[in-house]
Amino acid sequence: MRGVYTVLLLIVSNIFMTFAWYGNLKLSDMGVIKDWPLILIILASWGVALLEYSAMVPANRIGSVVHGGPFSLVELKVIQEVVSLIVFMVISIKVFKMGEFHWNHLVGFGFLVLAVYFIFKK
């Protein structure tokens, strides 16, 4: 069950991460923060990033073998990267309207699945 909680927290963390890093672009495009000074945008992004870390740190602690979880450090990192790319792809298509899912994306994700397979292979 710790593995499931880890992945769910990583998904939440990466949703916040994507908005912390790229949300200002969408808000600027919408005219919400168009005239904000850069320092204010940075501080707002840090606020969102705090929410990201509030999910990421517990995810790593719950999932780590150091704290009784099922994943090694390398496995945690690979899971995080795959989750990050999937969350980014979904948000970029659904929220940012950045295009469609193409065959090359499918191939790239296939390679990520292979990476996960090889990292977890004992």
PDB file of N, CA and C in Angstrom:
ATOM      1  N   MET A   1       0.812  -1.189   0.000  1.00  0.00           N
ATOM      2  CA  MET A   1       0.000   0.000   0.000  1.00  0.00           C
ATOM      3  C   MET A   1       0.860   1.260   0.000  1.00  0.00           C
ATOM      4  N   ARG A   2       2.052   1.162   0.608  1.00  0.00           N
ATOM      5  CA  ARG A   2       2.955   2.322   0.639  1.00  0.00           C
ATOM      6  C   ARG A   2       3.365   2.739  -0.766  1.00  0.00           C
ATOM      7  N   GLY A   3       3.509   1.772  -1.650  1.00  0.00           N
ATOM      8  CA  GLY A   3       3.851   2.080  -3.032  1.00  0.00           C
ATOM      9  C   GLY A   3       2.746   2.870  -3.726  1.00  0.00           C
ATOM     10  N   VAL A   4       1.495   2.503  -3.473  1.00  0.00           N
ATOM     11  CA  VAL A   4       0.354   3.217  -4.059  1.00  0.00           C
ATOM     12  C   VAL A   4       0.303   4.647  -3.533  1.00  0.00           C
ATOM     13  N   TYR A   5       0.467   4.809  -2.198  1.00  0.00           N
ATOM     14  CA  TYR A   5       0.468   6.154  -1.616  1.00  0.00           C
ATOM     15  C   TYR A   5       1.599   6.997  -2.204  1.00  0.00           C
ATOM     16  N   THR A   6       2.745   6.374  -2.406  1.00  0.00           N
ATOM     17  CA  THR A   6       3.887   7.086  -2.979  1.00  0.00           C
ATOM     18  C   THR A   6       3.550   7.615  -4.360  1.00  0.00           C
ATOM     19  N   VAL A   7       3.016   6.769  -5.214  1.00  0.00           N
ATOM     20  CA  VAL A   7       2.685   7.186  -6.578  1.00  0.00           C
ATOM     21  C   VAL A   7       1.598   8.262  -6.580  1.00  0.00           C
ATOM     22  N   LEU A   8       0.582   8.106  -5.746  1.00  0.00           N
ATOM     23  CA  LEU A   8      -0.481   9.117  -5.686  1.00  0.00           C
ATOM     24  C   LEU A   8       0.063  10.468  -5.228  1.00  0.00           C
ATOM     25  N   LEU A   9       0.925  10.467  -4.222  1.00  0.00           N
ATOM     26  CA  LEU A   9       1.532  11.718  -3.772  1.00  0.00           C
ATOM     27  C   LEU A   9       2.444  12.317  -4.843  1.00  0.00           C
ATOM     28  N   LEU A  10       3.133  11.465  -5.596  1.00  0.00           N
ATOM     29  CA  LEU A  10       3.969  11.965  -6.687  1.00  0.00           C
ATOM     30  C   LEU A  10       3.121  12.601  -7.787  1.00  0.00           C
ATOM     31  N   ILE A  11       1.958  12.042  -8.048  1.00  0.00           N
ATOM     32  CA  ILE A  11       1.057  12.645  -9.039  1.00  0.00           C
ATOM     33  C   ILE A  11       0.618  14.026  -8.567  1.00  0.00           C
ATOM     34  N   VAL A  12       0.184  14.131  -7.321  1.00  0.00           N
ATOM     35  CA  VAL A  12      -0.229  15.419  -6.758  1.00  0.00           C
ATOM     36  C   VAL A  12       0.931  16.409  -6.808  1.00  0.00           C
ATOM     37  N   SER A  13       2.097  15.953  -6.384  1.00  0.00           N
ATOM     38  CA  SER A  13       3.279  16.808  -6.390  1.00  0.00           C
ATOM     39  C   SER A  13       3.586  17.335  -7.786  1.00  0.00           C
ATOM     40  N   ASN A  14       3.498  16.472  -8.771  1.00  0.00           N
ATOM     41  CA  ASN A  14       3.839  16.881 -10.134  1.00  0.00           C
ATOM     42  C   ASN A  14       2.781  17.775 -10.765  1.00  0.00           C
ATOM     43  N   ILE A  15       1.554  17.663 -10.324  1.00  0.00           N
ATOM     44  CA  ILE A  15       0.535  18.611 -10.782  1.00  0.00           C
ATOM     45  C   ILE A  15       0.904  20.005 -10.287  1.00  0.00           C
ATOM     46  N   PHE A  16       1.231  20.120  -8.999  1.00  0.00           N
ATOM     47  CA  PHE A  16       1.651  21.415  -8.463  1.00  0.00           C
ATOM     48  C   PHE A  16       2.940  21.895  -9.122  1.00  0.00           C
ATOM     49  N   MET A  17       3.897  20.973  -9.351  1.00  0.00           N
ATOM     50  CA  MET A  17       5.160  21.348  -9.967  1.00  0.00           C
ATOM     51  C   MET A  17       4.933  21.947 -11.354  1.00  0.00           C
ATOM     52  N   THR A  18       4.082  21.316 -12.132  1.00  0.00           N
ATOM     53  CA  THR A  18       3.821  21.806 -13.487  1.00  0.00           C
ATOM     54  C   THR A  18       3.230  23.205 -13.448  1.00  0.00           C
ATOM     55  N   PHE A  19       2.302  23.439 -12.521  1.00  0.00           N
ATOM     56  CA  PHE A  19       1.718  24.777 -12.418  1.00  0.00           C
ATOM     57  C   PHE A  19       2.696  25.784 -11.820  1.00  0.00           C
ATOM     58  N   ALA A  20       3.569  25.342 -10.910  1.00  0.00           N
ATOM     59  CA  ALA A  20       4.571  26.250 -10.350  1.00  0.00           C
ATOM     60  C   ALA A  20       5.533  26.712 -11.435  1.00  0.00           C
ATOM     61  N   TRP A  21       5.927  25.806 -12.315  1.00  0.00           N
ATOM     62  CA  TRP A  21       6.900  26.138 -13.352  1.00  0.00           C
ATOM     63  C   TRP A  21       6.279  26.823 -14.555  1.00  0.00           C
ATOM     64  N   TYR A  22       5.103  26.364 -14.978  1.00  0.00           N
ATOM     65  CA  TYR A  22       4.541  26.830 -16.248  1.00  0.00           C
ATOM     66  C   TYR A  22       3.218  27.570 -16.127  1.00  0.00           C
ATOM     67  N   GLY A  23       2.609  27.550 -14.945  1.00  0.00           N
ATOM     68  CA  GLY A  23       1.314  28.203 -14.757  1.00  0.00           C
ATOM     69  C   GLY A  23       1.344  29.690 -15.051  1.00  0.00           C
ATOM     70  N   ASN A  24       2.489  30.334 -14.762  1.00  0.00           N
ATOM     71  CA  ASN A  24       2.586  31.770 -15.036  1.00  0.00           C
ATOM     72  C   ASN A  24       2.434  32.078 -16.519  1.00  0.00           C
ATOM     73  N   LEU A  25       2.829  31.162 -17.373  1.00  0.00           N
ATOM     74  CA  LEU A  25       2.672  31.374 -18.822  1.00  0.00           C
ATOM     75  C   LEU A  25       1.199  31.376 -19.217  1.00  0.00           C
ATOM     76  N   LYS A  26       0.445  30.441 -18.647  1.00  0.00           N
ATOM     77  CA  LYS A  26      -0.990  30.373 -18.922  1.00  0.00           C
ATOM     78  C   LYS A  26      -1.707  31.597 -18.354  1.00  0.00           C
ATOM     79  N   LEU A  27      -1.352  31.974 -17.119  1.00  0.00           N
ATOM     80  CA  LEU A  27      -1.982  33.141 -16.501  1.00  0.00           C
ATOM     81  C   LEU A  27      -1.648  34.425 -17.253  1.00  0.00           C
ATOM     82  N   SER A  28      -0.435  34.523 -17.768  1.00  0.00           N
ATOM     83  CA  SER A  28      -0.073  35.690 -18.590  1.00  0.00           C
ATOM     84  C   SER A  28      -0.866  35.701 -19.886  1.00  0.00           C
ATOM     85  N   ASP A  29      -0.994  34.543 -20.495  1.00  0.00           N
ATOM     86  CA  ASP A  29      -1.758  34.412 -21.739  1.00  0.00           C
ATOM     87  C   ASP A  29      -3.220  34.793 -21.528  1.00  0.00           C
ATOM     88  N   MET A  30      -3.756  34.477 -20.352  1.00  0.00           N
ATOM     89  CA  MET A  30      -5.139  34.807 -20.030  1.00  0.00           C
ATOM     90  C   MET A  30      -5.301  36.269 -19.600  1.00  0.00           C
ATOM     91  N   GLY A  31      -4.187  36.972 -19.395  1.00  0.00           N
ATOM     92  CA  GLY A  31      -4.234  38.366 -18.979  1.00  0.00           C
ATOM     93  C   GLY A  31      -4.359  38.559 -17.481  1.00  0.00           C
ATOM     94  N   VAL A  32      -4.311  37.480 -16.708  1.00  0.00           N
ATOM     95  CA  VAL A  32      -4.494  37.557 -15.262  1.00  0.00           C
ATOM     96  C   VAL A  32      -3.298  38.234 -14.586  1.00  0.00           C
ATOM     97  N   ILE A  33      -2.082  37.854 -14.996  1.00  0.00           N
ATOM     98  CA  ILE A  33      -0.870  38.407 -14.375  1.00  0.00           C
ATOM     99  C   ILE A  33       0.018  39.087 -15.411  1.00  0.00           C
ATOM    100  N   LYS A  34      -0.573  39.575 -16.458  1.00  0.00           N
ATOM    101  CA  LYS A  34       0.181  40.130 -17.579  1.00  0.00           C
ATOM    102  C   LYS A  34       1.134  41.245 -17.165  1.00  0.00           C
ATOM    103  N   ASP A  35       0.718  42.090 -16.238  1.00  0.00           N
ATOM    104  CA  ASP A  35       1.530  43.243 -15.847  1.00  0.00           C
ATOM    105  C   ASP A  35       2.247  43.068 -14.510  1.00  0.00           C
ATOM    106  N   TRP A  36       2.253  41.854 -13.984  1.00  0.00           N
ATOM    107  CA  TRP A  36       2.931  41.619 -12.718  1.00  0.00           C
ATOM    108  C   TRP A  36       4.446  41.720 -12.910  1.00  0.00           C
ATOM    109  N   PRO A  37       5.157  42.259 -11.925  1.00  0.00           N
ATOM    110  CA  PRO A  37       6.626  42.239 -12.012  1.00  0.00           C
ATOM    111  C   PRO A  37       7.137  40.807 -11.826  1.00  0.00           C
ATOM    112  N   LEU A  38       8.273  40.522 -12.411  1.00  0.00           N
ATOM    113  CA  LEU A  38       8.839  39.171 -12.380  1.00  0.00           C
ATOM    114  C   LEU A  38       9.016  38.655 -10.951  1.00  0.00           C
ATOM    115  N   ILE A  39       9.446  39.511 -10.043  1.00  0.00           N
ATOM    116  CA  ILE A  39       9.673  39.067  -8.662  1.00  0.00           C
ATOM    117  C   ILE A  39       8.377  38.564  -8.031  1.00  0.00           C
ATOM    118  N   LEU A  40       7.252  39.196  -8.335  1.00  0.00           N
ATOM    119  CA  LEU A  40       5.966  38.758  -7.799  1.00  0.00           C
ATOM    120  C   LEU A  40       5.556  37.407  -8.398  1.00  0.00           C
ATOM    121  N   ILE A  41       5.837  37.225  -9.674  1.00  0.00           N
ATOM    122  CA  ILE A  41       5.547  35.939 -10.327  1.00  0.00           C
ATOM    123  C   ILE A  41       6.409  34.837  -9.712  1.00  0.00           C
ATOM    124  N   ILE A  42       7.677  35.151  -9.443  1.00  0.00           N
ATOM    125  CA  ILE A  42       8.575  34.173  -8.810  1.00  0.00           C
ATOM    126  C   ILE A  42       8.064  33.798  -7.425  1.00  0.00           C
ATOM    127  N   LEU A  43       7.661  34.780  -6.645  1.00  0.00           N
ATOM    128  CA  LEU A  43       7.154  34.501  -5.297  1.00  0.00           C
ATOM    129  C   LEU A  43       5.871  33.674  -5.342  1.00  0.00           C
ATOM    130  N   ALA A  44       4.984  33.982  -6.276  1.00  0.00           N
ATOM    131  CA  ALA A  44       3.758  33.193  -6.420  1.00  0.00           C
ATOM    132  C   ALA A  44       4.098  31.752  -6.810  1.00  0.00           C
ATOM    133  N   SER A  45       5.072  31.589  -7.697  1.00  0.00           N
ATOM    134  CA  SER A  45       5.494  30.239  -8.103  1.00  0.00           C
ATOM    135  C   SER A  45       6.100  29.487  -6.928  1.00  0.00           C
ATOM    136  N   TRP A  46       6.842  30.174  -6.091  1.00  0.00           N
ATOM    137  CA  TRP A  46       7.389  29.537  -4.891  1.00  0.00           C
ATOM    138  C   TRP A  46       6.284  29.057  -3.980  1.00  0.00           C
ATOM    139  N   GLY A  47       5.214  29.830  -3.883  1.00  0.00           N
ATOM    140  CA  GLY A  47       4.073  29.414  -3.071  1.00  0.00           C
ATOM    141  C   GLY A  47       3.465  28.116  -3.569  1.00  0.00           C
ATOM    142  N   VAL A  48       3.331  28.013  -4.888  1.00  0.00           N
ATOM    143  CA  VAL A  48       2.807  26.776  -5.474  1.00  0.00           C
ATOM    144  C   VAL A  48       3.817  25.640  -5.282  1.00  0.00           C
ATOM    145  N   ALA A  49       5.101  25.966  -5.425  1.00  0.00           N
ATOM    146  CA  ALA A  49       6.143  24.948  -5.246  1.00  0.00           C
ATOM    147  C   ALA A  49       6.163  24.418  -3.815  1.00  0.00           C
ATOM    148  N   LEU A  50       5.776  25.235  -2.850  1.00  0.00           N
ATOM    149  CA  LEU A  50       5.683  24.760  -1.465  1.00  0.00           C
ATOM    150  C   LEU A  50       4.662  23.627  -1.371  1.00  0.00           C
ATOM    151  N   LEU A  51       3.553  23.775  -2.110  1.00  0.00           N
ATOM    152  CA  LEU A  51       2.553  22.702  -2.136  1.00  0.00           C
ATOM    153  C   LEU A  51       3.133  21.451  -2.808  1.00  0.00           C
ATOM    154  N   GLU A  52       3.939  21.670  -3.847  1.00  0.00           N
ATOM    155  CA  GLU A  52       4.598  20.543  -4.514  1.00  0.00           C
ATOM    156  C   GLU A  52       5.470  19.774  -3.514  1.00  0.00           C
ATOM    157  N   TYR A  53       6.298  20.492  -2.786  1.00  0.00           N
ATOM    158  CA  TYR A  53       7.198  19.859  -1.825  1.00  0.00           C
ATOM    159  C   TYR A  53       6.436  19.212  -0.680  1.00  0.00           C
ATOM    160  N   SER A  54       5.267  19.765  -0.357  1.00  0.00           N
ATOM    161  CA  SER A  54       4.445  19.198   0.713  1.00  0.00           C
ATOM    162  C   SER A  54       3.909  17.822   0.345  1.00  0.00           C
ATOM    163  N   ALA A  55       3.895  17.496  -0.934  1.00  0.00           N
ATOM    164  CA  ALA A  55       3.515  16.151  -1.381  1.00  0.00           C
ATOM    165  C   ALA A  55       4.745  15.315  -1.746  1.00  0.00           C
ATOM    166  N   MET A  56       5.773  15.966  -2.323  1.00  0.00           N
ATOM    167  CA  MET A  56       6.957  15.239  -2.793  1.00  0.00           C
ATOM    168  C   MET A  56       7.758  14.635  -1.640  1.00  0.00           C
ATOM    169  N   VAL A  57       7.997  15.413  -0.600  1.00  0.00           N
ATOM    170  CA  VAL A  57       8.811  14.910   0.518  1.00  0.00           C
ATOM    171  C   VAL A  57       8.134  13.722   1.205  1.00  0.00           C
ATOM    172  N   PRO A  58       6.841  13.818   1.538  1.00  0.00           N
ATOM    173  CA  PRO A  58       6.202  12.620   2.121  1.00  0.00           C
ATOM    174  C   PRO A  58       6.182  11.431   1.157  1.00  0.00           C
ATOM    175  N   ALA A  59       6.013  11.688  -0.134  1.00  0.00           N
ATOM    176  CA  ALA A  59       6.025  10.586  -1.103  1.00  0.00           C
ATOM    177  C   ALA A  59       7.351   9.840  -1.047  1.00  0.00           C
ATOM    178  N   ASN A  60       8.446  10.586  -1.016  1.00  0.00           N
ATOM    179  CA  ASN A  60       9.765   9.949  -0.979  1.00  0.00           C
ATOM    180  C   ASN A  60      10.015   9.246   0.353  1.00  0.00           C
ATOM    181  N   ARG A  61       9.551   9.818   1.439  1.00  0.00           N
ATOM    182  CA  ARG A  61       9.742   9.178   2.748  1.00  0.00           C
ATOM    183  C   ARG A  61       8.895   7.909   2.860  1.00  0.00           C
ATOM    184  N   ILE A  62       7.646   7.976   2.427  1.00  0.00           N
ATOM    185  CA  ILE A  62       6.762   6.803   2.498  1.00  0.00           C
ATOM    186  C   ILE A  62       7.273   5.689   1.589  1.00  0.00           C
ATOM    187  N   GLY A  63       7.772   6.063   0.420  1.00  0.00           N
ATOM    188  CA  GLY A  63       8.181   5.066  -0.555  1.00  0.00           C
ATOM    189  C   GLY A  63       9.575   4.510  -0.381  1.00  0.00           C
ATOM    190  N   SER A  64      10.416   5.197   0.366  1.00  0.00           N
ATOM    191  CA  SER A  64      11.824   4.814   0.477  1.00  0.00           C
ATOM    192  C   SER A  64      12.040   3.597   1.380  1.00  0.00           C
ATOM    193  N   VAL A  65      12.935   2.715   0.957  1.00  0.00           N
ATOM    194  CA  VAL A  65      13.302   1.564   1.785  1.00  0.00           C
ATOM    195  C   VAL A  65      13.912   2.023   3.104  1.00  0.00           C
ATOM    196  N   VAL A  66      14.497   3.220   3.110  1.00  0.00           N
ATOM    197  CA  VAL A  66      15.093   3.758   4.332  1.00  0.00           C
ATOM    198  C   VAL A  66      14.041   3.903   5.431  1.00  0.00           C
ATOM    199  N   HIS A  67      12.794   4.176   5.022  1.00  0.00           N
ATOM    200  CA  HIS A  67      11.704   4.372   5.984  1.00  0.00           C
ATOM    201  C   HIS A  67      10.656   3.261   5.894  1.00  0.00           C
ATOM    202  N   GLY A  68      11.055   2.099   5.404  1.00  0.00           N
ATOM    203  CA  GLY A  68      10.159   0.950   5.376  1.00  0.00           C
ATOM    204  C   GLY A  68       9.314   0.826   4.117  1.00  0.00           C
ATOM    205  N   GLY A  69       9.585   1.660   3.120  1.00  0.00           N
ATOM    206  CA  GLY A  69       8.845   1.598   1.864  1.00  0.00           C
ATOM    207  C   GLY A  69       9.421   0.574   0.907  1.00  0.00           C
ATOM    208  N   PRO A  70       8.784   0.407  -0.234  1.00  0.00           N
ATOM    209  CA  PRO A  70       9.208  -0.641  -1.168  1.00  0.00           C
ATOM    210  C   PRO A  70      10.259  -0.224  -2.199  1.00  0.00           C
ATOM    211  N   PHE A  71      10.617   1.080  -2.275  1.00  0.00           N
ATOM    212  CA  PHE A  71      11.440   1.551  -3.394  1.00  0.00           C
ATOM    213  C   PHE A  71      12.832   2.018  -2.962  1.00  0.00           C
ATOM    214  N   SER A  72      13.813   1.674  -3.814  1.00  0.00           N
ATOM    215  CA  SER A  72      15.160   2.212  -3.623  1.00  0.00           C
ATOM    216  C   SER A  72      15.182   3.659  -4.125  1.00  0.00           C
ATOM    217  N   LEU A  73      16.271   4.342  -3.874  1.00  0.00           N
ATOM    218  CA  LEU A  73      16.416   5.727  -4.320  1.00  0.00           C
ATOM    219  C   LEU A  73      16.303   5.834  -5.839  1.00  0.00           C
ATOM    220  N   VAL A  74      16.953   4.935  -6.544  1.00  0.00           N
ATOM    221  CA  VAL A  74      16.903   4.943  -8.009  1.00  0.00           C
ATOM    222  C   VAL A  74      15.487   4.673  -8.503  1.00  0.00           C
ATOM    223  N   GLU A  75      14.805   3.714  -7.885  1.00  0.00           N
ATOM    224  CA  GLU A  75      13.423   3.412  -8.280  1.00  0.00           C
ATOM    225  C   GLU A  75      12.509   4.610  -8.030  1.00  0.00           C
ATOM    226  N   LEU A  76      12.673   5.281  -6.897  1.00  0.00           N
ATOM    227  CA  LEU A  76      11.874   6.481  -6.625  1.00  0.00           C
ATOM    228  C   LEU A  76      12.083   7.545  -7.694  1.00  0.00           C
ATOM    229  N   LYS A  77      13.335   7.741  -8.096  1.00  0.00           N
ATOM    230  CA  LYS A  77      13.640   8.767  -9.093  1.00  0.00           C
ATOM    231  C   LYS A  77      13.022   8.424 -10.444  1.00  0.00           C
ATOM    232  N   VAL A  78      13.106   7.181 -10.849  1.00  0.00           N
ATOM    233  CA  VAL A  78      12.540   6.775 -12.140  1.00  0.00           C
ATOM    234  C   VAL A  78      11.016   6.913 -12.119  1.00  0.00           C
ATOM    235  N   ILE A  79      10.388   6.492 -11.028  1.00  0.00           N
ATOM    236  CA  ILE A  79       8.934   6.658 -10.907  1.00  0.00           C
ATOM    237  C   ILE A  79       8.585   8.136 -11.002  1.00  0.00           C
ATOM    238  N   GLN A  80       9.335   8.979 -10.283  1.00  0.00           N
ATOM    239  CA  GLN A  80       9.051  10.415 -10.285  1.00  0.00           C
ATOM    240  C   GLN A  80       9.164  10.996 -11.696  1.00  0.00           C
ATOM    241  N   GLU A  81      10.175  10.614 -12.435  1.00  0.00           N
ATOM    242  CA  GLU A  81      10.375  11.147 -13.789  1.00  0.00           C
ATOM    243  C   GLU A  81       9.248  10.716 -14.730  1.00  0.00           C
ATOM    244  N   VAL A  82       8.848   9.469 -14.643  1.00  0.00           N
ATOM    245  CA  VAL A  82       7.755   8.979 -15.490  1.00  0.00           C
ATOM    246  C   VAL A  82       6.457   9.691 -15.133  1.00  0.00           C
ATOM    247  N   VAL A  83       6.167   9.800 -13.836  1.00  0.00           N
ATOM    248  CA  VAL A  83       4.965  10.515 -13.401  1.00  0.00           C
ATOM    249  C   VAL A  83       5.026  11.962 -13.873  1.00  0.00           C
ATOM    250  N   SER A  84       6.185  12.590 -13.728  1.00  0.00           N
ATOM    251  CA  SER A  84       6.350  13.989 -14.132  1.00  0.00           C
ATOM    252  C   SER A  84       6.038  14.194 -15.612  1.00  0.00           C
ATOM    253  N   LEU A  85       6.566  13.324 -16.449  1.00  0.00           N
ATOM    254  CA  LEU A  85       6.331  13.461 -17.894  1.00  0.00           C
ATOM    255  C   LEU A  85       4.883  13.184 -18.271  1.00  0.00           C
ATOM    256  N   ILE A  86       4.273  12.212 -17.640  1.00  0.00           N
ATOM    257  CA  ILE A  86       2.865  11.914 -17.933  1.00  0.00           C
ATOM    258  C   ILE A  86       1.978  13.072 -17.491  1.00  0.00           C
ATOM    259  N   VAL A  87       2.198  13.569 -16.275  1.00  0.00           N
ATOM    260  CA  VAL A  87       1.407  14.702 -15.782  1.00  0.00           C
ATOM    261  C   VAL A  87       1.618  15.922 -16.679  1.00  0.00           C
ATOM    262  N   PHE A  88       2.869  16.184 -17.046  1.00  0.00           N
ATOM    263  CA  PHE A  88       3.150  17.327 -17.917  1.00  0.00           C
ATOM    264  C   PHE A  88       2.431  17.185 -19.255  1.00  0.00           C
ATOM    265  N   MET A  89       2.469  16.005 -19.827  1.00  0.00           N
ATOM    266  CA  MET A  89       1.831  15.791 -21.125  1.00  0.00           C
ATOM    267  C   MET A  89       0.321  16.026 -21.028  1.00  0.00           C
ATOM    268  N   VAL A  90      -0.306  15.480 -20.007  1.00  0.00           N
ATOM    269  CA  VAL A  90      -1.757  15.644 -19.843  1.00  0.00           C
ATOM    270  C   VAL A  90      -2.104  17.117 -19.637  1.00  0.00           C
ATOM    271  N   ILE A  91      -1.381  17.803 -18.761  1.00  0.00           N
ATOM    272  CA  ILE A  91      -1.676  19.215 -18.494  1.00  0.00           C
ATOM    273  C   ILE A  91      -1.385  20.079 -19.713  1.00  0.00           C
ATOM    274  N   SER A  92      -0.306  19.796 -20.418  1.00  0.00           N
ATOM    275  CA  SER A  92       0.014  20.614 -21.595  1.00  0.00           C
ATOM    276  C   SER A  92      -1.040  20.467 -22.684  1.00  0.00           C
ATOM    277  N   ILE A  93      -1.637  19.285 -22.817  1.00  0.00           N
ATOM    278  CA  ILE A  93      -2.677  19.074 -23.824  1.00  0.00           C
ATOM    279  C   ILE A  93      -4.023  19.608 -23.348  1.00  0.00           C
ATOM    280  N   LYS A  94      -4.407  19.296 -22.109  1.00  0.00           N
ATOM    281  CA  LYS A  94      -5.743  19.640 -21.615  1.00  0.00           C
ATOM    282  C   LYS A  94      -5.864  21.094 -21.150  1.00  0.00           C
ATOM    283  N   VAL A  95      -4.869  21.596 -20.431  1.00  0.00           N
ATOM    284  CA  VAL A  95      -4.961  22.944 -19.860  1.00  0.00           C
ATOM    285  C   VAL A  95      -4.339  23.986 -20.782  1.00  0.00           C
ATOM    286  N   PHE A  96      -3.139  23.694 -21.275  1.00  0.00           N
ATOM    287  CA  PHE A  96      -2.423  24.660 -22.095  1.00  0.00           C
ATOM    288  C   PHE A  96      -2.776  24.562 -23.579  1.00  0.00           C
ATOM    289  N   LYS A  97      -3.550  23.544 -23.942  1.00  0.00           N
ATOM    290  CA  LYS A  97      -3.983  23.347 -25.347  1.00  0.00           C
ATOM    291  C   LYS A  97      -2.797  23.367 -26.314  1.00  0.00           C
ATOM    292  N   MET A  98      -1.763  22.575 -25.985  1.00  0.00           N
ATOM    293  CA  MET A  98      -0.531  22.579 -26.763  1.00  0.00           C
ATOM    294  C   MET A  98      -0.472  21.503 -27.839  1.00  0.00           C
ATOM    295  N   GLY A  99      -1.570  21.009 -28.267  1.00  0.00           N
ATOM    296  CA  GLY A  99      -1.529  20.037 -29.346  1.00  0.00           C
ATOM    297  C   GLY A  99      -2.064  18.691 -28.931  1.00  0.00           C
ATOM    298  N   GLU A 100      -1.768  17.729 -29.748  1.00  0.00           N
ATOM    299  CA  GLU A 100      -2.296  16.387 -29.561  1.00  0.00           C
ATOM    300  C   GLU A 100      -1.182  15.411 -29.231  1.00  0.00           C
ATOM    301  N   PHE A 101      -1.605  14.224 -28.892  1.00  0.00           N
ATOM    302  CA  PHE A 101      -0.707  13.118 -28.613  1.00  0.00           C
ATOM    303  C   PHE A 101      -0.383  12.438 -29.936  1.00  0.00           C
ATOM    304  N   HIS A 102       0.895  12.362 -30.314  1.00  0.00           N
ATOM    305  CA  HIS A 102       1.309  11.791 -31.598  1.00  0.00           C
ATOM    306  C   HIS A 102       2.075  10.484 -31.390  1.00  0.00           C
ATOM    307  N   TRP A 103       2.368   9.808 -32.488  1.00  0.00           N
ATOM    308  CA  TRP A 103       3.038   8.521 -32.437  1.00  0.00           C
ATOM    309  C   TRP A 103       4.400   8.615 -31.747  1.00  0.00           C
ATOM    310  N   ASN A 104       5.130   9.728 -31.964  1.00  0.00           N
ATOM    311  CA  ASN A 104       6.454   9.857 -31.358  1.00  0.00           C
ATOM    312  C   ASN A 104       6.354   9.980 -29.831  1.00  0.00           C
ATOM    313  N   HIS A 105       5.249  10.560 -29.339  1.00  0.00           N
ATOM    314  CA  HIS A 105       5.036  10.599 -27.895  1.00  0.00           C
ATOM    315  C   HIS A 105       4.834   9.178 -27.365  1.00  0.00           C
ATOM    316  N   LEU A 106       4.064   8.396 -28.099  1.00  0.00           N
ATOM    317  CA  LEU A 106       3.812   7.011 -27.701  1.00  0.00           C
ATOM    318  C   LEU A 106       5.120   6.215 -27.660  1.00  0.00           C
ATOM    319  N   VAL A 107       5.967   6.406 -28.656  1.00  0.00           N
ATOM    320  CA  VAL A 107       7.259   5.721 -28.684  1.00  0.00           C
ATOM    321  C   VAL A 107       8.116   6.158 -27.493  1.00  0.00           C
ATOM    322  N   GLY A 108       8.137   7.466 -27.237  1.00  0.00           N
ATOM    323  CA  GLY A 108       8.904   7.982 -26.095  1.00  0.00           C
ATOM    324  C   GLY A 108       8.421   7.401 -24.779  1.00  0.00           C
ATOM    325  N   PHE A 109       7.102   7.344 -24.590  1.00  0.00           N
ATOM    326  CA  PHE A 109       6.573   6.753 -23.374  1.00  0.00           C
ATOM    327  C   PHE A 109       6.867   5.259 -23.315  1.00  0.00           C
ATOM    328  N   GLY A 110       6.882   4.617 -24.462  1.00  0.00           N
ATOM    329  CA  GLY A 110       7.266   3.203 -24.493  1.00  0.00           C
ATOM    330  C   GLY A 110       8.679   2.999 -23.972  1.00  0.00           C
ATOM    331  N   PHE A 111       9.584   3.890 -24.364  1.00  0.00           N
ATOM    332  CA  PHE A 111      10.957   3.813 -23.859  1.00  0.00           C
ATOM    333  C   PHE A 111      11.005   4.074 -22.348  1.00  0.00           C
ATOM    334  N   LEU A 112      10.148   4.971 -21.869  1.00  0.00           N
ATOM    335  CA  LEU A 112      10.086   5.208 -20.424  1.00  0.00           C
ATOM    336  C   LEU A 112       9.623   3.951 -19.685  1.00  0.00           C
ATOM    337  N   VAL A 113       8.657   3.273 -20.254  1.00  0.00           N
ATOM    338  CA  VAL A 113       8.188   2.025 -19.644  1.00  0.00           C
ATOM    339  C   VAL A 113       9.320   1.005 -19.629  1.00  0.00           C
ATOM    340  N   LEU A 114      10.083   0.947 -20.712  1.00  0.00           N
ATOM    341  CA  LEU A 114      11.248   0.048 -20.740  1.00  0.00           C
ATOM    342  C   LEU A 114      12.272   0.447 -19.678  1.00  0.00           C
ATOM    343  N   ALA A 115      12.474   1.746 -19.488  1.00  0.00           N
ATOM    344  CA  ALA A 115      13.397   2.214 -18.457  1.00  0.00           C
ATOM    345  C   ALA A 115      12.940   1.746 -17.084  1.00  0.00           C
ATOM    346  N   VAL A 116      11.663   1.874 -16.826  1.00  0.00           N
ATOM    347  CA  VAL A 116      11.103   1.421 -15.545  1.00  0.00           C
ATOM    348  C   VAL A 116      11.321  -0.088 -15.404  1.00  0.00           C
ATOM    349  N   TYR A 117      11.065  -0.821 -16.459  1.00  0.00           N
ATOM    350  CA  TYR A 117      11.237  -2.284 -16.439  1.00  0.00           C
ATOM    351  C   TYR A 117      12.684  -2.631 -16.055  1.00  0.00           C
ATOM    352  N   PHE A 118      13.652  -1.980 -16.714  1.00  0.00           N
ATOM    353  CA  PHE A 118      15.052  -2.316 -16.465  1.00  0.00           C
ATOM    354  C   PHE A 118      15.522  -1.857 -15.078  1.00  0.00           C
ATOM    355  N   ILE A 119      15.020  -0.727 -14.614  1.00  0.00           N
ATOM    356  CA  ILE A 119      15.387  -0.246 -13.277  1.00  0.00           C
ATOM    357  C   ILE A 119      14.862  -1.200 -12.204  1.00  0.00           C
ATOM    358  N   PHE A 120      13.650  -1.718 -12.397  1.00  0.00           N
ATOM    359  CA  PHE A 120      13.039  -2.595 -11.395  1.00  0.00           C
ATOM    360  C   PHE A 120      13.448  -4.063 -11.548  1.00  0.00           C
ATOM    361  N   LYS A 121      14.128  -4.403 -12.621  1.00  0.00           N
ATOM    362  CA  LYS A 121      14.545  -5.803 -12.848  1.00  0.00           C
ATOM    363  C   LYS A 121      15.640  -6.165 -11.848  1.00  0.00           C
ATOM    364  N   LYS A 122      15.419  -7.227 -11.145  1.00  0.00           N
ATOM    365  CA  LYS A 122      16.379  -7.682 -10.111  1.00  0.00           C
ATOM    366  C   LYS A 122      17.327  -8.686 -10.686  1.00  0.00           C
TER     367      LYS A 122
END
